[in-house]
Amino acid sequence: MNAVDLGVNLFVALFALLDPIGNVPIFAAATAGASLRQRISVSAMICLFAVVFLGFFFFTGLGLLQFFGISLAAFRIAGGILLLLLGLDMAREDFLAIFADADAATDAKDVRGYAKRRFKRLIVPFAIPLMIGPGAISAVIINAGEAAKLGLVGTVSSLVAMIAACVVTFLCFSATGPISRILGDVGMAIVVRVLGLILCALAIQFILMGLGEALPGMFSAGVTAPYPAGGQ
């Protein structure tokens, strides 16, 4: 695999795992009443945080897991349990209400203060683990091992892929205004509940993959890797 293929594969994986399009309804609910500048500022802070956080695990992930004696399988299982709990919360009727900001529209000119307040509120559970979950972190750590084989060009390619994925996420979040007006409160609630169901299924998949790695032969290959290469 060359550096270009490595970067493209990481970008595609991160785009699917960060799921900027699917997370738009939640971001829209979290920034309801905000001006365009406020919403852009919040999305910029979240995506900058995502770049830094993913970059941190790219350079230190394997060593960090080894330092604490944590296997990748255990990391998948723990992350899957956390995502499962979050998915169950998303199915609740009042899930979007936890992101509400009573002072969201008090001053449209207060861009920096609003962005800082919303960023602190959205780090958990929105940025982590809804956006940057065990799947994204695992993808970055595994990619780091492949990039090391290619040297500096592999590292640069991977970093460009991470930045590109976060830039696309920023653009999606910045355009939540029209989307929220089209969906309305009912539409956003429906989308979030469907995403909660998908997130629960994804969490179970992470847990099964982790158990499959920790206990080889416990599950069939079709359970731990339902879509192998070649579609077989």
Protein backbone atom coordinates (compact mmCIF):
# COMPACT_ATOMS: atom_id res chain seq x y z
CA MET A 1 0.00 0.00 0.00
CA ASN A 2 1.39 3.39 -0.97
CA ALA A 3 0.96 6.68 0.91
CA VAL A 4 -1.92 7.88 -1.27
CA ASP A 5 -3.95 4.70 -0.73
CA LEU A 6 -3.21 4.86 2.99
CA GLY A 7 -4.46 8.42 3.24
CA VAL A 8 -7.58 7.78 1.14
CA ASN A 9 -8.49 4.72 3.19
CA LEU A 10 -8.11 6.65 6.44
CA PHE A 11 -10.19 9.56 5.13
CA VAL A 12 -13.03 7.26 4.06
CA ALA A 13 -12.94 5.42 7.38
CA LEU A 14 -12.93 8.60 9.44
CA PHE A 15 -15.71 10.18 7.38
CA ALA A 16 -17.89 7.15 8.07
CA LEU A 17 -16.96 6.99 11.76
CA LEU A 18 -17.19 10.72 12.53
CA ASP A 19 -20.51 10.65 10.65
CA PRO A 20 -20.86 14.43 10.19
CA ILE A 21 -24.09 14.12 8.19
CA GLY A 22 -25.74 11.84 10.74
CA ASN A 23 -24.67 14.08 13.64
CA VAL A 24 -26.05 17.26 12.05
CA PRO A 25 -29.46 16.99 13.82
CA ILE A 26 -27.77 16.76 17.22
CA PHE A 27 -25.46 19.68 16.44
CA ALA A 28 -28.46 21.65 15.20
CA ALA A 29 -30.30 21.01 18.46
CA ALA A 30 -27.22 21.95 20.47
CA THR A 31 -26.89 25.28 18.63
CA ALA A 32 -30.59 26.12 18.30
CA GLY A 33 -31.11 29.88 18.17
CA ALA A 34 -27.47 30.61 17.39
CA SER A 35 -26.38 32.97 14.65
CA LEU A 36 -24.40 31.72 11.66
CA ARG A 37 -21.16 33.13 13.07
CA GLN A 38 -21.78 31.47 16.43
CA ARG A 39 -22.54 28.13 14.83
CA ILE A 40 -19.44 28.33 12.62
CA SER A 41 -17.31 29.21 15.64
CA VAL A 42 -18.60 26.24 17.65
CA SER A 43 -18.12 23.81 14.75
CA ALA A 44 -14.57 25.14 14.21
CA MET A 45 -13.66 24.53 17.86
CA ILE A 46 -15.12 21.02 17.85
CA CYS A 47 -13.38 20.04 14.61
CA LEU A 48 -10.06 21.55 15.74
CA PHE A 49 -10.38 19.50 18.91
CA ALA A 50 -11.07 16.41 16.79
CA VAL A 51 -7.89 16.97 14.74
CA VAL A 52 -5.77 17.39 17.88
CA PHE A 53 -7.37 14.42 19.64
CA LEU A 54 -7.00 12.08 16.67
CA GLY A 55 -3.45 13.31 16.08
CA PHE A 56 -2.61 12.57 19.70
CA PHE A 57 -3.72 8.95 19.33
CA PHE A 58 -1.99 8.70 15.95
CA PHE A 59 1.38 9.44 17.53
CA THR A 60 0.91 7.91 20.98
CA GLY A 61 -1.98 5.43 20.72
CA LEU A 62 -0.06 2.17 20.53
CA GLY A 63 2.46 3.24 23.14
CA LEU A 64 -0.31 4.50 25.43
CA LEU A 65 -2.21 1.22 25.30
CA GLN A 66 0.99 -0.72 25.90
CA PHE A 67 1.94 1.55 28.82
CA PHE A 68 -1.34 0.85 30.59
CA GLY A 69 -1.34 -2.80 29.53
CA ILE A 70 -4.56 -2.43 27.55
CA SER A 71 -5.13 -4.58 24.50
CA LEU A 72 -6.92 -3.26 21.44
CA ALA A 73 -9.61 -5.88 22.08
CA ALA A 74 -10.25 -4.53 25.59
CA PHE A 75 -10.34 -1.01 24.19
CA ARG A 76 -12.97 -2.04 21.65
CA ILE A 77 -15.13 -3.69 24.32
CA ALA A 78 -14.93 -0.74 26.72
CA GLY A 79 -15.66 1.72 23.95
CA GLY A 80 -18.54 -0.41 22.72
CA ILE A 81 -20.15 -0.44 26.17
CA LEU A 82 -19.83 3.36 26.37
CA LEU A 83 -21.38 3.76 22.93
CA LEU A 84 -24.19 1.36 23.85
CA LEU A 85 -25.11 3.49 26.85
CA LEU A 86 -25.04 6.61 24.69
CA GLY A 87 -27.21 4.94 22.03
CA LEU A 88 -29.79 4.01 24.65
CA ASP A 89 -29.80 7.61 25.87
CA MET A 90 -30.39 8.83 22.31
CA ALA A 91 -33.56 6.75 22.16
CA ARG A 92 -34.99 8.69 25.09
CA GLU A 93 -37.55 11.38 24.39
CA ASP A 94 -35.58 14.10 26.18
CA PHE A 95 -32.13 13.35 24.71
CA LEU A 96 -31.92 16.54 22.63
CA ALA A 97 -32.94 18.58 25.67
CA ILE A 98 -29.64 17.85 27.43
CA PHE A 99 -27.85 19.93 24.78
CA ALA A 100 -30.13 22.95 25.21
CA ASP A 101 -28.62 26.32 26.07
CA ALA A 102 -31.02 28.77 27.69
CA ASP A 103 -28.79 31.73 26.74
CA ALA A 104 -28.14 30.62 23.15
CA ALA A 105 -29.75 33.62 21.45
CA THR A 106 -29.38 36.35 24.06
CA ASP A 107 -26.61 38.14 22.18
CA ALA A 108 -25.87 37.28 18.56
CA LYS A 109 -22.67 39.36 18.75
CA ASP A 110 -21.22 37.26 21.56
CA VAL A 111 -19.48 34.82 19.23
CA ARG A 112 -16.42 33.90 21.30
CA GLY A 113 -18.22 33.55 24.63
CA TYR A 114 -21.01 31.49 23.10
CA ALA A 115 -18.53 29.22 21.31
CA LYS A 116 -16.54 28.56 24.49
CA ARG A 117 -19.70 27.79 26.48
CA ARG A 118 -21.09 25.43 23.87
CA PHE A 119 -17.72 23.76 23.28
CA LYS A 120 -17.37 22.89 26.96
CA ARG A 121 -20.87 21.45 26.94
CA LEU A 122 -20.38 19.42 23.75
CA ILE A 123 -17.00 17.80 24.46
CA VAL A 124 -18.88 14.99 26.19
CA PRO A 125 -20.97 13.23 24.99
CA PHE A 126 -21.04 14.81 21.52
CA ALA A 127 -17.36 15.11 20.51
CA ILE A 128 -16.45 12.07 22.62
CA PRO A 129 -17.64 9.37 22.18
CA LEU A 130 -20.39 10.16 19.65
CA MET A 131 -18.03 11.58 17.03
CA ILE A 132 -14.64 10.31 18.16
CA GLY A 133 -15.49 6.87 19.43
CA PRO A 134 -13.54 3.61 19.69
CA GLY A 135 -13.92 3.03 15.96
CA ALA A 136 -12.24 6.30 14.98
CA ILE A 137 -9.50 5.90 17.57
CA SER A 138 -8.86 2.29 16.57
CA ALA A 139 -8.73 3.27 12.89
CA VAL A 140 -6.14 5.97 13.64
CA ILE A 141 -4.01 3.66 15.80
CA ILE A 142 -4.03 0.89 13.19
CA ASN A 143 -3.26 3.43 10.46
CA ALA A 144 -0.30 4.70 12.49
CA GLY A 145 1.25 1.24 12.36
CA GLU A 146 0.90 1.15 8.57
CA ALA A 147 2.19 4.73 8.19
CA ALA A 148 5.33 3.87 10.15
CA LYS A 149 6.26 1.36 7.45
CA LEU A 150 6.20 4.14 4.82
CA GLY A 151 8.16 6.65 6.86
CA LEU A 152 7.58 10.41 6.72
CA VAL A 153 5.42 10.30 3.58
CA GLY A 154 3.03 7.88 5.27
CA THR A 155 2.78 10.11 8.33
CA VAL A 156 2.08 13.19 6.23
CA SER A 157 -0.53 11.35 4.18
CA SER A 158 -2.33 10.19 7.33
CA LEU A 159 -2.29 13.66 8.89
CA VAL A 160 -3.70 15.18 5.71
CA ALA A 161 -6.48 12.57 5.73
CA MET A 162 -7.38 13.38 9.35
CA ILE A 163 -7.45 17.12 8.66
CA ALA A 164 -9.54 16.62 5.50
CA ALA A 165 -12.10 14.50 7.36
CA CYS A 166 -12.43 17.16 10.06
CA VAL A 167 -12.72 19.96 7.46
CA VAL A 168 -15.62 18.12 5.80
CA THR A 169 -17.20 17.70 9.23
CA PHE A 170 -16.80 21.43 9.86
CA LEU A 171 -18.55 22.25 6.58
CA CYS A 172 -21.45 19.93 7.40
CA PHE A 173 -21.93 21.39 10.88
CA SER A 174 -21.70 24.94 9.56
CA ALA A 175 -24.66 24.25 7.26
CA THR A 176 -27.00 23.02 9.98
CA GLY A 177 -29.22 26.12 9.81
CA PRO A 178 -31.14 25.17 6.66
CA ILE A 179 -31.23 21.52 7.71
CA SER A 180 -32.74 22.29 11.11
CA ARG A 181 -35.40 24.53 9.51
CA ILE A 182 -36.35 21.77 7.07
CA LEU A 183 -36.51 18.96 9.64
CA GLY A 184 -38.08 20.90 12.48
CA ASP A 185 -38.20 19.63 16.07
CA VAL A 186 -40.15 16.49 15.21
CA GLY A 187 -37.90 15.58 12.29
CA MET A 188 -34.73 16.02 14.34
CA ALA A 189 -36.13 13.90 17.16
CA ILE A 190 -36.97 11.10 14.72
CA VAL A 191 -33.52 11.20 13.11
CA VAL A 192 -31.78 11.16 16.49
CA ARG A 193 -33.75 8.13 17.65
CA VAL A 194 -32.93 6.25 14.47
CA LEU A 195 -29.27 7.17 14.95
CA GLY A 196 -29.52 5.90 18.51
CA LEU A 197 -30.64 2.51 17.23
CA ILE A 198 -27.79 2.45 14.70
CA LEU A 199 -25.33 3.47 17.41
CA CYS A 200 -26.52 0.63 19.65
CA ALA A 201 -25.97 -1.84 16.82
CA LEU A 202 -22.52 -0.37 16.13
CA ALA A 203 -21.68 -0.64 19.83
CA ILE A 204 -22.67 -4.32 19.89
CA GLN A 205 -20.49 -4.84 16.81
CA PHE A 206 -17.49 -3.29 18.60
CA ILE A 207 -18.09 -5.52 21.62
CA LEU A 208 -18.35 -8.63 19.44
CA MET A 209 -15.17 -7.68 17.57
CA GLY A 210 -13.35 -7.17 20.86
CA LEU A 211 -14.56 -10.49 22.25
CA GLY A 212 -13.66 -12.18 18.96
CA GLU A 213 -10.08 -10.86 19.26
CA ALA A 214 -9.81 -11.74 22.96
CA LEU A 215 -11.41 -15.19 22.60
CA PRO A 216 -10.54 -16.57 19.14
CA GLY A 217 -13.11 -19.05 17.89
CA MET A 218 -15.85 -17.86 20.22
CA PHE A 219 -17.81 -16.29 17.37
CA SER A 220 -18.03 -17.07 13.67
CA ALA A 221 -16.27 -14.77 11.23
CA GLY A 222 -19.63 -13.59 9.92
CA VAL A 223 -20.47 -12.13 13.35
CA THR A 224 -17.22 -10.30 14.12
CA ALA A 225 -16.64 -9.22 10.49
CA PRO A 226 -20.00 -9.30 8.69
CA TYR A 227 -18.68 -7.59 5.58
CA PRO A 228 -15.27 -9.09 4.72
CA ALA A 229 -13.30 -8.10 1.68
CA GLY A 230 -14.85 -9.39 -1.52
CA GLY A 231 -18.35 -9.42 0.00
CA GLN A 232 -18.17 -13.10 0.88
